[in-house]
């Protein structure tokens, strides 16, 4: 059986690559080239186990895990439109992840990804660079010994 964490991360890349106006998706790669913008970067992020799982369970017992990858959408636009473009791509990414049947199927009880919020930033380059970091959490069942 494949690792659900890896399956979710791979699927996220495919889903975001299909979002209108996203030109490229990178995973765990922070280098940005203005000629490839707008782009999305997925960082694998952390995961934690559900604290309510009993300690006395055998080591191969299923565990409920919550993974929190980091998704960044980066654009280069004129100052007057950079915020609007960032917000547009933010909403498209949220909608694409929320509606993806494969991501939903990979999560515990078909919960899908839970949108947790965003943090934005702007900087100057040849044009205004806009970035939004999207926070999602995905719960899945880990079955040690079968991944």
N, C-alpha and C. Protein backbone atom coordinates (compact mmCIF):
# COMPACT_ATOMS: atom_id res chain seq x y z
N UNK A 1 0.85 -1.19 0.00
CA UNK A 1 0.00 0.00 0.00
C UNK A 1 0.89 1.24 0.00
N UNK A 2 0.49 2.25 -0.70
CA UNK A 2 1.26 3.49 -0.79
C UNK A 2 1.05 4.37 0.44
N UNK A 3 1.98 5.25 0.68
CA UNK A 3 1.92 6.19 1.80
C UNK A 3 0.88 7.27 1.50
N UNK A 4 -0.19 7.39 2.31
CA UNK A 4 -1.22 8.39 2.04
C UNK A 4 -0.68 9.82 2.00
N UNK A 5 0.31 10.11 2.83
CA UNK A 5 0.90 11.45 2.84
C UNK A 5 1.47 11.80 1.47
N UNK A 6 2.26 10.89 0.92
CA UNK A 6 2.86 11.12 -0.39
C UNK A 6 1.79 11.21 -1.47
N UNK A 7 0.79 10.36 -1.40
CA UNK A 7 -0.29 10.40 -2.39
C UNK A 7 -1.02 11.74 -2.37
N UNK A 8 -1.26 12.27 -1.18
CA UNK A 8 -1.93 13.58 -1.07
C UNK A 8 -1.05 14.68 -1.64
N UNK A 9 0.24 14.67 -1.31
CA UNK A 9 1.16 15.70 -1.81
C UNK A 9 1.27 15.66 -3.34
N UNK A 10 1.37 14.48 -3.90
CA UNK A 10 1.45 14.36 -5.36
C UNK A 10 0.16 14.87 -5.99
N UNK A 11 -0.97 14.49 -5.41
CA UNK A 11 -2.25 14.93 -5.97
C UNK A 11 -2.41 16.44 -5.87
N UNK A 12 -1.96 17.04 -4.75
CA UNK A 12 -2.01 18.50 -4.63
C UNK A 12 -1.29 19.17 -5.79
N UNK A 13 -0.12 18.66 -6.14
CA UNK A 13 0.64 19.22 -7.25
C UNK A 13 -0.13 19.15 -8.56
N UNK A 14 -0.77 18.03 -8.80
CA UNK A 14 -1.55 17.87 -10.03
C UNK A 14 -2.77 18.78 -10.05
N UNK A 15 -3.45 18.89 -8.92
CA UNK A 15 -4.63 19.74 -8.84
C UNK A 15 -4.25 21.20 -9.05
N UNK A 16 -3.21 21.66 -8.39
CA UNK A 16 -2.81 23.06 -8.51
C UNK A 16 -2.27 23.36 -9.90
N UNK A 17 -1.62 22.38 -10.53
CA UNK A 17 -1.14 22.57 -11.91
C UNK A 17 -2.29 22.80 -12.88
N UNK A 18 -3.47 22.33 -12.54
CA UNK A 18 -4.64 22.52 -13.38
C UNK A 18 -5.40 23.81 -13.12
N UNK A 19 -4.94 24.60 -12.16
CA UNK A 19 -5.62 25.87 -11.84
C UNK A 19 -5.31 26.89 -12.93
N UNK A 20 -6.34 27.53 -13.42
CA UNK A 20 -6.19 28.55 -14.48
C UNK A 20 -5.20 29.62 -14.05
N UNK A 21 -4.29 29.96 -14.94
CA UNK A 21 -3.26 30.99 -14.78
C UNK A 21 -2.04 30.57 -13.97
N UNK A 22 -2.03 29.40 -13.35
CA UNK A 22 -0.81 28.92 -12.68
C UNK A 22 0.06 28.31 -13.77
N UNK A 23 1.25 28.86 -13.96
CA UNK A 23 2.12 28.42 -15.06
C UNK A 23 3.01 27.25 -14.68
N UNK A 24 3.31 27.12 -13.40
CA UNK A 24 4.23 26.07 -12.97
C UNK A 24 3.96 25.74 -11.51
N UNK A 25 4.17 24.48 -11.15
CA UNK A 25 4.08 24.05 -9.75
C UNK A 25 5.41 23.40 -9.39
N UNK A 26 5.97 23.82 -8.26
CA UNK A 26 7.22 23.25 -7.76
C UNK A 26 6.95 22.63 -6.40
N UNK A 27 7.70 21.59 -6.08
CA UNK A 27 7.57 20.97 -4.76
C UNK A 27 8.90 21.06 -4.05
N UNK A 28 8.88 21.64 -2.87
CA UNK A 28 10.06 21.78 -2.01
C UNK A 28 11.21 22.49 -2.72
N UNK A 29 10.88 23.42 -3.59
CA UNK A 29 11.87 24.17 -4.36
C UNK A 29 11.54 25.65 -4.23
N UNK A 30 12.40 26.40 -3.57
CA UNK A 30 12.08 27.79 -3.26
C UNK A 30 12.54 28.79 -4.30
N UNK A 31 13.39 28.38 -5.25
CA UNK A 31 13.85 29.32 -6.27
C UNK A 31 12.69 29.79 -7.12
N UNK A 32 12.65 31.11 -7.35
CA UNK A 32 11.58 31.69 -8.17
C UNK A 32 12.21 32.37 -9.37
N UNK A 33 11.64 32.15 -10.51
CA UNK A 33 12.08 32.81 -11.73
C UNK A 33 10.90 33.64 -12.22
N UNK A 34 11.09 34.94 -12.31
CA UNK A 34 9.97 35.81 -12.69
C UNK A 34 9.36 35.44 -14.02
N UNK A 35 10.12 34.80 -14.91
CA UNK A 35 9.56 34.43 -16.21
C UNK A 35 8.57 33.27 -16.09
N UNK A 36 8.57 32.55 -14.98
CA UNK A 36 7.66 31.41 -14.79
C UNK A 36 6.43 31.78 -13.95
N UNK A 37 6.29 33.05 -13.59
CA UNK A 37 5.18 33.44 -12.74
C UNK A 37 3.91 33.65 -13.54
N UNK A 38 2.75 33.44 -12.95
CA UNK A 38 2.52 32.98 -11.58
C UNK A 38 2.83 31.49 -11.42
N UNK A 39 3.34 31.17 -10.26
CA UNK A 39 3.66 29.78 -9.96
C UNK A 39 3.20 29.44 -8.55
N UNK A 40 3.16 28.15 -8.28
CA UNK A 40 2.81 27.66 -6.95
C UNK A 40 3.95 26.80 -6.45
N UNK A 41 4.22 26.91 -5.17
CA UNK A 41 5.24 26.09 -4.52
C UNK A 41 4.56 25.32 -3.40
N UNK A 42 4.75 24.01 -3.39
CA UNK A 42 4.21 23.17 -2.32
C UNK A 42 5.39 22.70 -1.48
N UNK A 43 5.36 23.02 -0.20
CA UNK A 43 6.34 22.50 0.75
C UNK A 43 5.66 21.40 1.55
N UNK A 44 6.34 20.27 1.70
CA UNK A 44 5.71 19.10 2.32
C UNK A 44 5.11 19.39 3.69
N UNK A 45 5.75 20.24 4.47
CA UNK A 45 5.20 20.62 5.77
C UNK A 45 5.28 19.51 6.80
N UNK A 46 4.56 19.71 7.87
CA UNK A 46 4.62 18.82 9.03
C UNK A 46 3.42 17.89 9.06
N UNK A 47 3.48 16.94 9.98
CA UNK A 47 2.33 16.11 10.29
C UNK A 47 2.38 15.78 11.77
N UNK A 48 1.22 15.59 12.35
CA UNK A 48 1.12 15.21 13.76
C UNK A 48 0.11 14.09 13.89
N UNK A 49 0.32 13.28 14.93
CA UNK A 49 -0.61 12.18 15.22
C UNK A 49 -1.69 12.68 16.16
N UNK A 50 -2.86 12.08 16.07
CA UNK A 50 -3.99 12.41 16.94
C UNK A 50 -3.64 12.02 18.38
N UNK A 51 -3.66 12.98 19.27
CA UNK A 51 -3.32 12.73 20.68
C UNK A 51 -4.33 11.82 21.38
N UNK A 52 -5.51 11.67 20.81
CA UNK A 52 -6.51 10.83 21.47
C UNK A 52 -6.31 9.34 21.17
N UNK A 53 -5.38 9.00 20.29
CA UNK A 53 -5.08 7.58 20.06
C UNK A 53 -4.44 7.01 21.33
N UNK A 54 -4.95 5.89 21.85
CA UNK A 54 -4.39 5.32 23.09
C UNK A 54 -2.93 4.90 22.92
N UNK A 55 -2.13 5.16 23.93
CA UNK A 55 -0.72 4.80 23.93
C UNK A 55 -0.56 3.28 23.94
N UNK A 56 -1.51 2.58 24.52
CA UNK A 56 -1.40 1.13 24.70
C UNK A 56 -1.66 0.33 23.41
N UNK A 57 -1.92 0.99 22.32
CA UNK A 57 -2.19 0.30 21.06
C UNK A 57 -0.91 -0.33 20.52
N UNK A 58 -1.03 -1.42 19.75
CA UNK A 58 0.16 -2.02 19.14
C UNK A 58 0.79 -1.06 18.13
N UNK A 59 2.09 -1.20 17.86
CA UNK A 59 2.77 -0.26 16.97
C UNK A 59 2.25 -0.28 15.54
N UNK A 60 1.57 -1.35 15.12
CA UNK A 60 1.04 -1.40 13.77
C UNK A 60 -0.44 -0.98 13.69
N UNK A 61 -0.99 -0.53 14.81
CA UNK A 61 -2.39 -0.08 14.82
C UNK A 61 -2.52 1.19 13.98
N UNK A 62 -3.62 1.36 13.26
CA UNK A 62 -3.82 2.58 12.47
C UNK A 62 -3.78 3.83 13.36
N UNK A 63 -3.21 4.89 12.80
CA UNK A 63 -3.12 6.19 13.49
C UNK A 63 -3.78 7.24 12.62
N UNK A 64 -4.47 8.16 13.25
CA UNK A 64 -5.02 9.30 12.54
C UNK A 64 -3.96 10.39 12.53
N UNK A 65 -3.57 10.81 11.34
CA UNK A 65 -2.53 11.82 11.17
C UNK A 65 -3.14 13.08 10.56
N UNK A 66 -2.56 14.22 10.91
CA UNK A 66 -2.93 15.48 10.26
C UNK A 66 -1.67 16.07 9.65
N UNK A 67 -1.69 16.22 8.35
CA UNK A 67 -0.55 16.82 7.65
C UNK A 67 -0.89 18.26 7.28
N UNK A 68 0.13 19.11 7.31
CA UNK A 68 -0.08 20.53 7.04
C UNK A 68 0.96 21.05 6.04
N UNK A 69 0.78 20.70 4.76
CA UNK A 69 1.70 21.24 3.76
C UNK A 69 1.52 22.74 3.62
N UNK A 70 2.55 23.39 3.13
CA UNK A 70 2.49 24.83 2.88
C UNK A 70 2.38 25.04 1.37
N UNK A 71 1.43 25.84 0.95
CA UNK A 71 1.21 26.11 -0.47
C UNK A 71 1.37 27.61 -0.68
N UNK A 72 2.32 27.99 -1.54
CA UNK A 72 2.56 29.40 -1.84
C UNK A 72 2.21 29.67 -3.29
N UNK A 73 1.47 30.74 -3.52
CA UNK A 73 1.15 31.20 -4.86
C UNK A 73 1.88 32.53 -5.03
N UNK A 74 2.70 32.63 -6.09
CA UNK A 74 3.55 33.79 -6.29
C UNK A 74 3.25 34.40 -7.66
N UNK A 75 3.03 35.70 -7.68
CA UNK A 75 2.72 36.40 -8.93
C UNK A 75 3.60 37.65 -9.05
N UNK A 76 3.73 38.13 -10.27
CA UNK A 76 4.38 39.41 -10.54
C UNK A 76 3.39 40.24 -11.35
N UNK A 77 3.01 41.38 -10.81
CA UNK A 77 2.01 42.25 -11.45
C UNK A 77 2.37 43.69 -11.14
N UNK A 78 1.66 44.58 -11.78
CA UNK A 78 1.77 46.00 -11.44
C UNK A 78 1.20 46.20 -10.04
N UNK A 79 1.70 47.21 -9.35
CA UNK A 79 1.27 47.46 -7.98
C UNK A 79 -0.25 47.58 -7.85
N UNK A 80 -0.88 48.20 -8.83
CA UNK A 80 -2.33 48.42 -8.75
C UNK A 80 -3.14 47.13 -8.84
N UNK A 81 -2.55 46.06 -9.41
CA UNK A 81 -3.32 44.83 -9.63
C UNK A 81 -2.77 43.60 -8.92
N UNK A 82 -1.62 43.73 -8.26
CA UNK A 82 -0.99 42.55 -7.67
C UNK A 82 -1.87 41.91 -6.59
N UNK A 83 -2.50 42.71 -5.76
CA UNK A 83 -3.36 42.16 -4.70
C UNK A 83 -4.56 41.43 -5.27
N UNK A 84 -5.16 42.01 -6.29
CA UNK A 84 -6.32 41.38 -6.93
C UNK A 84 -5.93 40.05 -7.56
N UNK A 85 -4.77 39.99 -8.21
CA UNK A 85 -4.32 38.75 -8.86
C UNK A 85 -4.01 37.68 -7.81
N UNK A 86 -3.35 38.07 -6.74
CA UNK A 86 -3.06 37.12 -5.66
C UNK A 86 -4.36 36.54 -5.10
N UNK A 87 -5.33 37.40 -4.85
CA UNK A 87 -6.60 36.94 -4.29
C UNK A 87 -7.37 36.05 -5.26
N UNK A 88 -7.31 36.36 -6.54
CA UNK A 88 -7.97 35.53 -7.54
C UNK A 88 -7.37 34.12 -7.56
N UNK A 89 -6.04 34.05 -7.60
CA UNK A 89 -5.40 32.73 -7.63
C UNK A 89 -5.61 31.98 -6.32
N UNK A 90 -5.61 32.71 -5.21
CA UNK A 90 -5.91 32.10 -3.91
C UNK A 90 -7.26 31.40 -3.96
N UNK A 91 -8.28 32.10 -4.44
CA UNK A 91 -9.62 31.51 -4.47
C UNK A 91 -9.69 30.32 -5.43
N UNK A 92 -8.99 30.40 -6.54
CA UNK A 92 -8.98 29.27 -7.49
C UNK A 92 -8.33 28.03 -6.88
N UNK A 93 -7.23 28.23 -6.16
CA UNK A 93 -6.56 27.09 -5.53
C UNK A 93 -7.45 26.48 -4.45
N UNK A 94 -8.05 27.31 -3.62
CA UNK A 94 -8.96 26.81 -2.58
C UNK A 94 -10.08 25.99 -3.20
N UNK A 95 -10.71 26.53 -4.23
CA UNK A 95 -11.82 25.83 -4.89
C UNK A 95 -11.38 24.52 -5.51
N UNK A 96 -10.23 24.52 -6.16
CA UNK A 96 -9.74 23.31 -6.82
C UNK A 96 -9.46 22.20 -5.81
N UNK A 97 -8.84 22.54 -4.69
CA UNK A 97 -8.54 21.53 -3.67
C UNK A 97 -9.83 21.04 -3.02
N UNK A 98 -10.74 21.95 -2.73
CA UNK A 98 -12.00 21.57 -2.08
C UNK A 98 -12.84 20.64 -2.94
N UNK A 99 -12.76 20.79 -4.26
CA UNK A 99 -13.62 20.02 -5.16
C UNK A 99 -12.98 18.76 -5.70
N UNK A 100 -11.72 18.49 -5.38
CA UNK A 100 -11.04 17.36 -5.99
C UNK A 100 -11.43 16.03 -5.34
N UNK A 101 -12.08 15.18 -6.12
CA UNK A 101 -12.58 13.90 -5.61
C UNK A 101 -11.46 12.97 -5.15
N UNK A 102 -10.30 13.02 -5.81
CA UNK A 102 -9.19 12.14 -5.40
C UNK A 102 -8.61 12.55 -4.06
N UNK A 103 -8.46 13.85 -3.83
CA UNK A 103 -7.99 14.29 -2.51
C UNK A 103 -9.01 13.91 -1.45
N UNK A 104 -10.26 14.13 -1.73
CA UNK A 104 -11.32 13.76 -0.78
C UNK A 104 -11.24 12.28 -0.45
N UNK A 105 -11.04 11.43 -1.46
CA UNK A 105 -10.98 9.99 -1.25
C UNK A 105 -9.76 9.55 -0.43
N UNK A 106 -8.69 10.34 -0.47
CA UNK A 106 -7.46 9.99 0.26
C UNK A 106 -7.51 10.37 1.73
N UNK A 107 -8.49 11.17 2.12
CA UNK A 107 -8.53 11.66 3.49
C UNK A 107 -9.46 10.84 4.37
N UNK A 108 -9.24 10.97 5.67
CA UNK A 108 -10.06 10.24 6.64
C UNK A 108 -11.52 10.63 6.48
N UNK A 109 -12.37 9.62 6.46
CA UNK A 109 -13.82 9.82 6.35
C UNK A 109 -14.22 10.75 5.19
N UNK A 110 -13.37 10.80 4.17
CA UNK A 110 -13.63 11.63 2.98
C UNK A 110 -13.84 13.11 3.34
N UNK A 111 -13.07 13.57 4.32
CA UNK A 111 -13.18 14.96 4.78
C UNK A 111 -12.58 15.96 3.80
N UNK A 112 -11.66 15.52 2.97
CA UNK A 112 -10.96 16.45 2.09
C UNK A 112 -10.00 17.33 2.86
N UNK A 113 -9.54 18.38 2.21
CA UNK A 113 -8.63 19.31 2.86
C UNK A 113 -9.40 20.42 3.55
N UNK A 114 -8.93 20.80 4.70
CA UNK A 114 -9.57 21.88 5.45
C UNK A 114 -8.73 23.15 5.26
N UNK A 115 -9.34 24.16 4.69
CA UNK A 115 -8.65 25.43 4.50
C UNK A 115 -8.53 26.12 5.86
N UNK A 116 -7.31 26.46 6.25
CA UNK A 116 -7.06 27.02 7.57
C UNK A 116 -6.78 28.53 7.56
N UNK A 117 -6.48 29.09 6.39
CA UNK A 117 -6.21 30.52 6.32
C UNK A 117 -5.03 30.82 5.41
N UNK A 118 -4.65 32.10 5.36
CA UNK A 118 -3.58 32.53 4.46
C UNK A 118 -2.77 33.65 5.09
N UNK A 119 -1.54 33.78 4.62
CA UNK A 119 -0.66 34.89 4.99
C UNK A 119 -0.11 35.46 3.70
N UNK A 120 -0.18 36.78 3.53
CA UNK A 120 0.27 37.37 2.28
C UNK A 120 1.50 38.22 2.49
N UNK A 121 2.18 38.46 1.38
CA UNK A 121 3.37 39.30 1.41
C UNK A 121 3.59 39.93 0.06
N UNK A 122 4.16 41.11 0.05
CA UNK A 122 4.50 41.80 -1.19
C UNK A 122 5.97 42.21 -1.13
N UNK A 123 6.62 42.22 -2.30
CA UNK A 123 7.99 42.71 -2.37
C UNK A 123 8.23 43.30 -3.75
N UNK A 124 9.34 44.02 -3.90
CA UNK A 124 9.65 44.65 -5.17
C UNK A 124 10.66 43.83 -5.93
N UNK A 125 10.43 43.71 -7.20
CA UNK A 125 11.38 43.14 -8.16
C UNK A 125 11.31 44.06 -9.36
N UNK A 126 11.35 43.49 -10.55
CA UNK A 126 11.14 44.33 -11.74
C UNK A 126 9.70 44.82 -11.75
N UNK A 127 8.83 44.04 -11.17
CA UNK A 127 7.45 44.44 -10.96
C UNK A 127 7.13 44.10 -9.51
N UNK A 128 5.94 44.38 -9.08
CA UNK A 128 5.56 44.01 -7.71
C UNK A 128 5.41 42.50 -7.65
N UNK A 129 6.00 41.90 -6.64
CA UNK A 129 5.84 40.46 -6.42
C UNK A 129 4.82 40.29 -5.32
N UNK A 130 3.86 39.47 -5.57
CA UNK A 130 2.84 39.18 -4.58
C UNK A 130 2.87 37.70 -4.25
N UNK A 131 2.68 37.39 -2.99
CA UNK A 131 2.72 36.00 -2.56
C UNK A 131 1.64 35.78 -1.52
N UNK A 132 1.02 34.61 -1.57
CA UNK A 132 0.10 34.23 -0.52
C UNK A 132 0.44 32.79 -0.14
N UNK A 133 0.60 32.57 1.14
CA UNK A 133 0.82 31.22 1.66
C UNK A 133 -0.49 30.67 2.18
N UNK A 134 -0.95 29.58 1.60
CA UNK A 134 -2.23 29.00 1.98
C UNK A 134 -2.00 27.86 2.96
N UNK A 135 -2.78 27.84 4.01
CA UNK A 135 -2.67 26.78 5.01
C UNK A 135 -3.85 25.83 4.88
N UNK A 136 -3.54 24.57 4.70
CA UNK A 136 -4.54 23.51 4.66
C UNK A 136 -4.12 22.43 5.62
N UNK A 137 -5.08 21.69 6.13
CA UNK A 137 -4.75 20.48 6.88
C UNK A 137 -5.51 19.33 6.25
N UNK A 138 -4.88 18.17 6.23
CA UNK A 138 -5.44 16.97 5.65
C UNK A 138 -5.29 15.85 6.67
N UNK A 139 -6.41 15.27 7.09
CA UNK A 139 -6.35 14.13 8.01
C UNK A 139 -6.43 12.84 7.20
N UNK A 140 -5.61 11.90 7.58
CA UNK A 140 -5.64 10.60 6.91
C UNK A 140 -5.31 9.52 7.91
N UNK A 141 -5.54 8.28 7.52
CA UNK A 141 -5.25 7.14 8.38
C UNK A 141 -3.93 6.54 7.93
N UNK A 142 -2.98 6.49 8.85
CA UNK A 142 -1.69 5.86 8.62
C UNK A 142 -1.74 4.45 9.17
N UNK A 143 -1.36 3.48 8.36
CA UNK A 143 -1.35 2.08 8.78
C UNK A 143 0.09 1.60 8.80
N UNK A 144 0.81 1.78 9.94
CA UNK A 144 2.20 1.34 10.02
C UNK A 144 2.33 -0.14 9.66
N UNK A 145 3.36 -0.44 8.95
CA UNK A 145 3.60 -1.82 8.51
C UNK A 145 3.03 -2.09 7.13
N UNK A 146 2.24 -1.15 6.59
CA UNK A 146 1.68 -1.37 5.25
C UNK A 146 1.86 -0.17 4.34
N UNK A 147 2.82 0.70 4.66
CA UNK A 147 3.05 1.85 3.78
C UNK A 147 4.35 1.65 3.01
